[in-house]
Amino acid sequence: MEYRRLGRTHEKVSTIGMGTWKIGSYRSAEEREGQVKALRRGVELGINLIDTAEMYAHGKSEEVVADAAESIRKDVFIASKVSPENLHHDDVVKACRGSLARLRTSYLDLYQVHWPNPKIPIKETMAAMESLVEEGAVRFIGVSNFSIAQMKEASEALSKNELVSNQVEYSLSNRRVEADVLPHCAKERISLIAYSPLVRGDIVSSIPKAILQKYKMSPAQVMLNWVTRAEHVFAIPKAASISHLEENASSVSVRFEEPEYDEVSRV
């Protein structure tokens, strides 16, 4: 597994993480246990980034992550997110307490604002985030779905900490962030965490066969390798099954040559 520094920190995080959207939704105890085992397998493969949110499955996603991280908490980097309706100061603190309880941990490695809320000042939200860092409940502060202007406002509102990441949708099929957010993150050394890097299963079928054959990769693996080609980008495909996790984990075992990345970009 490949590891990269998160933002300007010295924290080493796996380039490929595990997304948990829809994890926590299950029809049986066996299905739930399968989700736990999949996350555990990811950790065994060297994936230490697990991304969740209080919004996912009404908190049950965090509970599944808690089971997966039990007894190996120090080996995983847990990121969670506070919902946009909870961005007033006291609500942020309360939401964090709830996530900590469901995750059965005393701290979050990364706490992110899930979506911006124009009705609540970012300054108020960031003040709450910094208070959580000060008390040891949160290690690093991030955002999600923020524009450049919103990232700048969030960064300027932080007095003692840095904004380390922005989680946005980014894939071979959805490249809107390349126009502005991606280069801004690179310039400011803010990590970009790409969600839906496999387009929710809509795998690109037109990837050049020569690249697939040369690197012995599946189209999904090429998509993950491509989206993380820049040093400041991480990807969090859904941790749906053990077979998918094994496929994802080996997607960055080797890097393409630059002309090959350009070729994939043109498909």
Foldseek 3Di string as FASTA:
>chain_A
DDWADFFPDPDTADLEAAEAAQLLDDDDPVLLVQLLVLNLLLLVLPHQEYEEECPHNVLSSLLSLLSNCPPPVVSHQYEYEYEQVQQAQVSLVVRLVVSCVSSVHQAHAEYEHEEHDPVHQLLRSLVSVVVCCVVHRYVAYEYEPDDPVRQVSNQVSHDPHGHREYEYADWLVDHVCVVPVVVVCVVSRHAYEHECHCVLVPFDDPQDPVVCVVVVADSSLQGSLLRCVDSRYGYHYHSNGNVVSVRNSCSVVDHDDPVSSVSSSVD
